[in-house]
Amino acid sequence: MTPKNLHRAAALLEMVTWTVLIVGMILKYSGITEAVVPIAGAVHGFGFLCFAAITITVWVNNRWTFAQGVAGLVVSIIPWAALPFTLWADKKGILDEGWRFTTAEEEPKTFADKILAQLVRHPLRSILIIVVIIVIIYVILLTVGQPYDPDALVESVN
């Protein structure tokens, strides 16, 4: 899978999980049911972390500028913005490169390049490690809880 295809798939995942979460919130705050939000929130949280990890990987691989990389991460917190960003990045040509470090002749120089080289040269092991890291972060975030209590905000306004 190319960086372009991987980033596009992650953006689609991010967009779909945002949609399910927002539908769940509409159902919750319209009084229909609260059952969807915990599941949709959990799925979206995992999708968000995956999108962020993939964006950072593509940022390093394709040598994005700092602004492009930060924009790629910021769009993940704006509903439905990941896919338009990916389409924009594709149009600008910053997703066109293949994976670097596919051969032993290519030597990584920076710390980020060394990590990328490991990921590209040992994909199964690297993906397993990344998924474990994402799951650990995910569990920590679930343990901490949501950053705010929407019901408390509503009560403070009333």
C-alpha atoms as a PDB file:
ATOM      1  CA  MET A   1       0.000   0.000   0.000  1.00  0.00           C
ATOM      2  CA  THR A   2       1.403   3.384  -0.977  1.00  0.00           C
ATOM      3  CA  PRO A   3       1.565   6.344   1.422  1.00  0.00           C
ATOM      4  CA  LYS A   4      -1.192   8.000  -0.633  1.00  0.00           C
ATOM      5  CA  ASN A   5      -3.538   5.015  -0.368  1.00  0.00           C
ATOM      6  CA  LEU A   6      -2.779   4.498   3.319  1.00  0.00           C
ATOM      7  CA  HIS A   7      -3.425   8.156   4.152  1.00  0.00           C
ATOM      8  CA  ARG A   8      -6.617   8.199   2.100  1.00  0.00           C
ATOM      9  CA  ALA A   9      -7.892   5.055   3.876  1.00  0.00           C
ATOM     10  CA  ALA A  10      -7.097   6.611   7.257  1.00  0.00           C
ATOM     11  CA  ALA A  11      -8.899   9.817   6.245  1.00  0.00           C
ATOM     12  CA  LEU A  12     -11.968   7.823   5.207  1.00  0.00           C
ATOM     13  CA  LEU A  13     -11.878   5.970   8.530  1.00  0.00           C
ATOM     14  CA  GLU A  14     -11.651   9.292  10.363  1.00  0.00           C
ATOM     15  CA  MET A  15     -14.574  10.718   8.371  1.00  0.00           C
ATOM     16  CA  VAL A  16     -16.806   7.671   8.912  1.00  0.00           C
ATOM     17  CA  THR A  17     -16.079   7.528  12.643  1.00  0.00           C
ATOM     18  CA  TRP A  18     -16.787  11.269  12.969  1.00  0.00           C
ATOM     19  CA  THR A  19     -20.132  10.703  11.226  1.00  0.00           C
ATOM     20  CA  VAL A  20     -21.111   7.837  13.522  1.00  0.00           C
ATOM     21  CA  LEU A  21     -20.077   9.840  16.596  1.00  0.00           C
ATOM     22  CA  ILE A  22     -22.042  12.926  15.539  1.00  0.00           C
ATOM     23  CA  VAL A  23     -25.124  10.826  14.733  1.00  0.00           C
ATOM     24  CA  GLY A  24     -24.768   9.274  18.188  1.00  0.00           C
ATOM     25  CA  MET A  25     -24.555  12.727  19.774  1.00  0.00           C
ATOM     26  CA  ILE A  26     -27.667  13.848  17.892  1.00  0.00           C
ATOM     27  CA  LEU A  27     -29.501  10.761  19.148  1.00  0.00           C
ATOM     28  CA  LYS A  28     -28.283  11.412  22.689  1.00  0.00           C
ATOM     29  CA  TYR A  29     -29.115  15.105  22.895  1.00  0.00           C
ATOM     30  CA  SER A  30     -32.450  14.714  21.118  1.00  0.00           C
ATOM     31  CA  GLY A  31     -33.441  12.306  23.883  1.00  0.00           C
ATOM     32  CA  ILE A  32     -33.753   9.245  21.656  1.00  0.00           C
ATOM     33  CA  THR A  33     -30.929   7.135  23.102  1.00  0.00           C
ATOM     34  CA  GLU A  34     -27.544   7.525  24.741  1.00  0.00           C
ATOM     35  CA  ALA A  35     -26.418   4.020  23.790  1.00  0.00           C
ATOM     36  CA  VAL A  36     -24.587   4.978  20.596  1.00  0.00           C
ATOM     37  CA  VAL A  37     -22.191   7.606  22.000  1.00  0.00           C
ATOM     38  CA  PRO A  38     -19.954   5.357  24.141  1.00  0.00           C
ATOM     39  CA  ILE A  39     -19.426   2.907  21.294  1.00  0.00           C
ATOM     40  CA  ALA A  40     -19.098   5.575  18.595  1.00  0.00           C
ATOM     41  CA  GLY A  41     -16.790   7.620  20.807  1.00  0.00           C
ATOM     42  CA  ALA A  42     -14.554   4.638  21.423  1.00  0.00           C
ATOM     43  CA  VAL A  43     -14.405   3.713  17.746  1.00  0.00           C
ATOM     44  CA  HIS A  44     -13.743   7.325  16.761  1.00  0.00           C
ATOM     45  CA  GLY A  45     -11.020   7.657  19.384  1.00  0.00           C
ATOM     46  CA  PHE A  46      -9.239   4.628  17.984  1.00  0.00           C
ATOM     47  CA  GLY A  47      -9.709   5.927  14.416  1.00  0.00           C
ATOM     48  CA  PHE A  48      -8.356   9.333  15.457  1.00  0.00           C
ATOM     49  CA  LEU A  49      -5.211   7.790  16.944  1.00  0.00           C
ATOM     50  CA  CYS A  50      -4.685   5.654  13.836  1.00  0.00           C
ATOM     51  CA  PHE A  51      -5.096   8.691  11.568  1.00  0.00           C
ATOM     52  CA  ALA A  52      -2.592  10.653  13.656  1.00  0.00           C
ATOM     53  CA  ALA A  53      -0.032   7.822  13.554  1.00  0.00           C
ATOM     54  CA  ILE A  54      -0.433   7.377   9.800  1.00  0.00           C
ATOM     55  CA  THR A  55      -0.243  11.133   9.203  1.00  0.00           C
ATOM     56  CA  ILE A  56       3.018  11.364  11.155  1.00  0.00           C
ATOM     57  CA  THR A  57       4.418   8.396   9.214  1.00  0.00           C
ATOM     58  CA  VAL A  58       3.494   9.920   5.842  1.00  0.00           C
ATOM     59  CA  TRP A  59       4.780  13.337   7.021  1.00  0.00           C
ATOM     60  CA  VAL A  60       8.227  11.844   7.686  1.00  0.00           C
ATOM     61  CA  ASN A  61       8.239   9.610   4.596  1.00  0.00           C
ATOM     62  CA  ASN A  62       7.162  12.305   2.145  1.00  0.00           C
ATOM     63  CA  ARG A  63       9.221  15.039   3.815  1.00  0.00           C
ATOM     64  CA  TRP A  64       6.314  17.379   4.389  1.00  0.00           C
ATOM     65  CA  THR A  65       7.025  20.835   5.701  1.00  0.00           C
ATOM     66  CA  PHE A  66       6.299  21.508   9.356  1.00  0.00           C
ATOM     67  CA  ALA A  67       3.156  23.460   8.378  1.00  0.00           C
ATOM     68  CA  GLN A  68       1.887  20.630   6.172  1.00  0.00           C
ATOM     69  CA  GLY A  69       2.467  18.062   8.909  1.00  0.00           C
ATOM     70  CA  VAL A  70       0.797  20.138  11.605  1.00  0.00           C
ATOM     71  CA  ALA A  71      -2.142  20.850   9.284  1.00  0.00           C
ATOM     72  CA  GLY A  72      -2.425  17.103   8.655  1.00  0.00           C
ATOM     73  CA  LEU A  73      -2.742  16.534  12.390  1.00  0.00           C
ATOM     74  CA  VAL A  74      -5.030  19.501  13.115  1.00  0.00           C
ATOM     75  CA  VAL A  75      -7.610  18.361  10.564  1.00  0.00           C
ATOM     76  CA  SER A  76      -8.217  15.253  12.648  1.00  0.00           C
ATOM     77  CA  ILE A  77      -9.963  17.325  15.325  1.00  0.00           C
ATOM     78  CA  ILE A  78     -12.274  19.053  12.830  1.00  0.00           C
ATOM     79  CA  PRO A  79     -15.243  16.903  11.776  1.00  0.00           C
ATOM     80  CA  TRP A  80     -14.915  15.647   8.192  1.00  0.00           C
ATOM     81  CA  ALA A  81     -11.738  17.655   7.488  1.00  0.00           C
ATOM     82  CA  ALA A  82      -9.324  14.720   7.119  1.00  0.00           C
ATOM     83  CA  LEU A  83     -10.529  13.632   3.691  1.00  0.00           C
ATOM     84  CA  PRO A  84     -10.527  17.148   2.168  1.00  0.00           C
ATOM     85  CA  PHE A  85      -6.986  17.578   3.527  1.00  0.00           C
ATOM     86  CA  THR A  86      -5.923  14.298   1.930  1.00  0.00           C
ATOM     87  CA  LEU A  87      -7.488  15.294  -1.388  1.00  0.00           C
ATOM     88  CA  TRP A  88      -5.723  18.683  -1.176  1.00  0.00           C
ATOM     89  CA  ALA A  89      -2.415  16.981  -0.334  1.00  0.00           C
ATOM     90  CA  ASP A  90      -2.891  14.639  -3.287  1.00  0.00           C
ATOM     91  CA  LYS A  91      -3.601  17.586  -5.598  1.00  0.00           C
ATOM     92  CA  LYS A  92      -0.459  19.366  -4.324  1.00  0.00           C
ATOM     93  CA  GLY A  93       1.574  16.224  -5.026  1.00  0.00           C
ATOM     94  CA  ILE A  94       2.781  15.751  -1.450  1.00  0.00           C
ATOM     95  CA  LEU A  95       1.399  12.204  -1.316  1.00  0.00           C
ATOM     96  CA  ASP A  96       3.017  11.047  -4.557  1.00  0.00           C
ATOM     97  CA  GLU A  97       6.220   9.523  -3.211  1.00  0.00           C
ATOM     98  CA  GLY A  98       6.536   5.813  -2.552  1.00  0.00           C
ATOM     99  CA  TRP A  99       7.987   4.424   0.646  1.00  0.00           C
ATOM    100  CA  ARG A 100      11.568   5.428   1.334  1.00  0.00           C
ATOM    101  CA  PHE A 101      14.132   2.992   2.780  1.00  0.00           C
ATOM    102  CA  THR A 102      12.798  -0.027   0.925  1.00  0.00           C
ATOM    103  CA  THR A 103      16.361  -1.101   0.127  1.00  0.00           C
ATOM    104  CA  ALA A 104      19.379  -1.441   2.394  1.00  0.00           C
ATOM    105  CA  GLU A 105      21.312   1.044   0.236  1.00  0.00           C
ATOM    106  CA  GLU A 106      19.159   3.913   1.490  1.00  0.00           C
ATOM    107  CA  GLU A 107      20.596   5.015   4.820  1.00  0.00           C
ATOM    108  CA  PRO A 108      18.407   6.875   7.314  1.00  0.00           C
ATOM    109  CA  LYS A 109      20.112   9.904   8.828  1.00  0.00           C
ATOM    110  CA  THR A 110      17.688  11.448  11.311  1.00  0.00           C
ATOM    111  CA  PHE A 111      15.977   9.770  14.263  1.00  0.00           C
ATOM    112  CA  ALA A 112      12.601  10.003  12.488  1.00  0.00           C
ATOM    113  CA  ASP A 113      14.106   8.461   9.349  1.00  0.00           C
ATOM    114  CA  LYS A 114      15.537   5.582  11.398  1.00  0.00           C
ATOM    115  CA  ILE A 115      12.095   4.825  12.814  1.00  0.00           C
ATOM    116  CA  LEU A 116      10.577   5.074   9.324  1.00  0.00           C
ATOM    117  CA  ALA A 117      13.242   2.712   7.945  1.00  0.00           C
ATOM    118  CA  GLN A 118      12.336   0.141  10.602  1.00  0.00           C
ATOM    119  CA  LEU A 119       8.646   0.523   9.773  1.00  0.00           C
ATOM    120  CA  VAL A 120       9.199   0.103   6.037  1.00  0.00           C
ATOM    121  CA  ARG A 121      11.776  -2.682   6.256  1.00  0.00           C
ATOM    122  CA  HIS A 122       9.919  -4.675   8.939  1.00  0.00           C
ATOM    123  CA  PRO A 123       6.243  -3.791   8.357  1.00  0.00           C
ATOM    124  CA  LEU A 124       4.529  -6.619  10.260  1.00  0.00           C
ATOM    125  CA  ARG A 125       6.608  -6.157  13.400  1.00  0.00           C
ATOM    126  CA  SER A 126       6.308  -2.377  13.156  1.00  0.00           C
ATOM    127  CA  ILE A 127       2.553  -2.385  12.625  1.00  0.00           C
ATOM    128  CA  LEU A 128       2.154  -4.698  15.616  1.00  0.00           C
ATOM    129  CA  ILE A 129       4.252  -2.347  17.764  1.00  0.00           C
ATOM    130  CA  ILE A 130       2.322   0.717  16.544  1.00  0.00           C
ATOM    131  CA  VAL A 131      -1.035  -0.959  17.216  1.00  0.00           C
ATOM    132  CA  VAL A 132       0.117  -1.912  20.729  1.00  0.00           C
ATOM    133  CA  ILE A 133       1.226   1.695  21.360  1.00  0.00           C
ATOM    134  CA  ILE A 134      -2.100   3.021  20.029  1.00  0.00           C
ATOM    135  CA  VAL A 135      -4.022   0.572  22.239  1.00  0.00           C
ATOM    136  CA  ILE A 136      -1.979   1.631  25.297  1.00  0.00           C
ATOM    137  CA  ILE A 137      -2.634   5.322  24.581  1.00  0.00           C
ATOM    138  CA  TYR A 138      -6.285   4.504  23.899  1.00  0.00           C
ATOM    139  CA  VAL A 139      -6.690   2.656  27.215  1.00  0.00           C
ATOM    140  CA  ILE A 140      -4.983   5.494  29.095  1.00  0.00           C
ATOM    141  CA  LEU A 141      -7.321   8.026  27.471  1.00  0.00           C
ATOM    142  CA  LEU A 142     -10.352   5.858  28.271  1.00  0.00           C
ATOM    143  CA  THR A 143      -9.193   5.618  31.877  1.00  0.00           C
ATOM    144  CA  VAL A 144      -8.731   9.386  32.141  1.00  0.00           C
ATOM    145  CA  GLY A 145     -12.183   9.966  30.645  1.00  0.00           C
ATOM    146  CA  GLN A 146     -13.507  12.655  28.378  1.00  0.00           C
ATOM    147  CA  PRO A 147     -11.802  16.049  28.570  1.00  0.00           C
ATOM    148  CA  TYR A 148     -15.008  17.719  29.675  1.00  0.00           C
ATOM    149  CA  ASP A 149     -18.489  16.829  30.824  1.00  0.00           C
ATOM    150  CA  PRO A 150     -20.994  18.093  28.228  1.00  0.00           C
ATOM    151  CA  ASP A 151     -23.898  17.704  30.661  1.00  0.00           C
ATOM    152  CA  ALA A 152     -22.124  19.895  33.231  1.00  0.00           C
ATOM    153  CA  LEU A 153     -21.546  22.535  30.551  1.00  0.00           C
ATOM    154  CA  VAL A 154     -25.242  22.540  29.658  1.00  0.00           C
ATOM    155  CA  GLU A 155     -26.203  22.863  33.330  1.00  0.00           C
ATOM    156  CA  SER A 156     -23.783  25.763  33.858  1.00  0.00           C
ATOM    157  CA  VAL A 157     -25.347  27.657  30.940  1.00  0.00           C
ATOM    158  CA  ASN A 158     -28.888  27.128  32.229  1.00  0.00           C
END
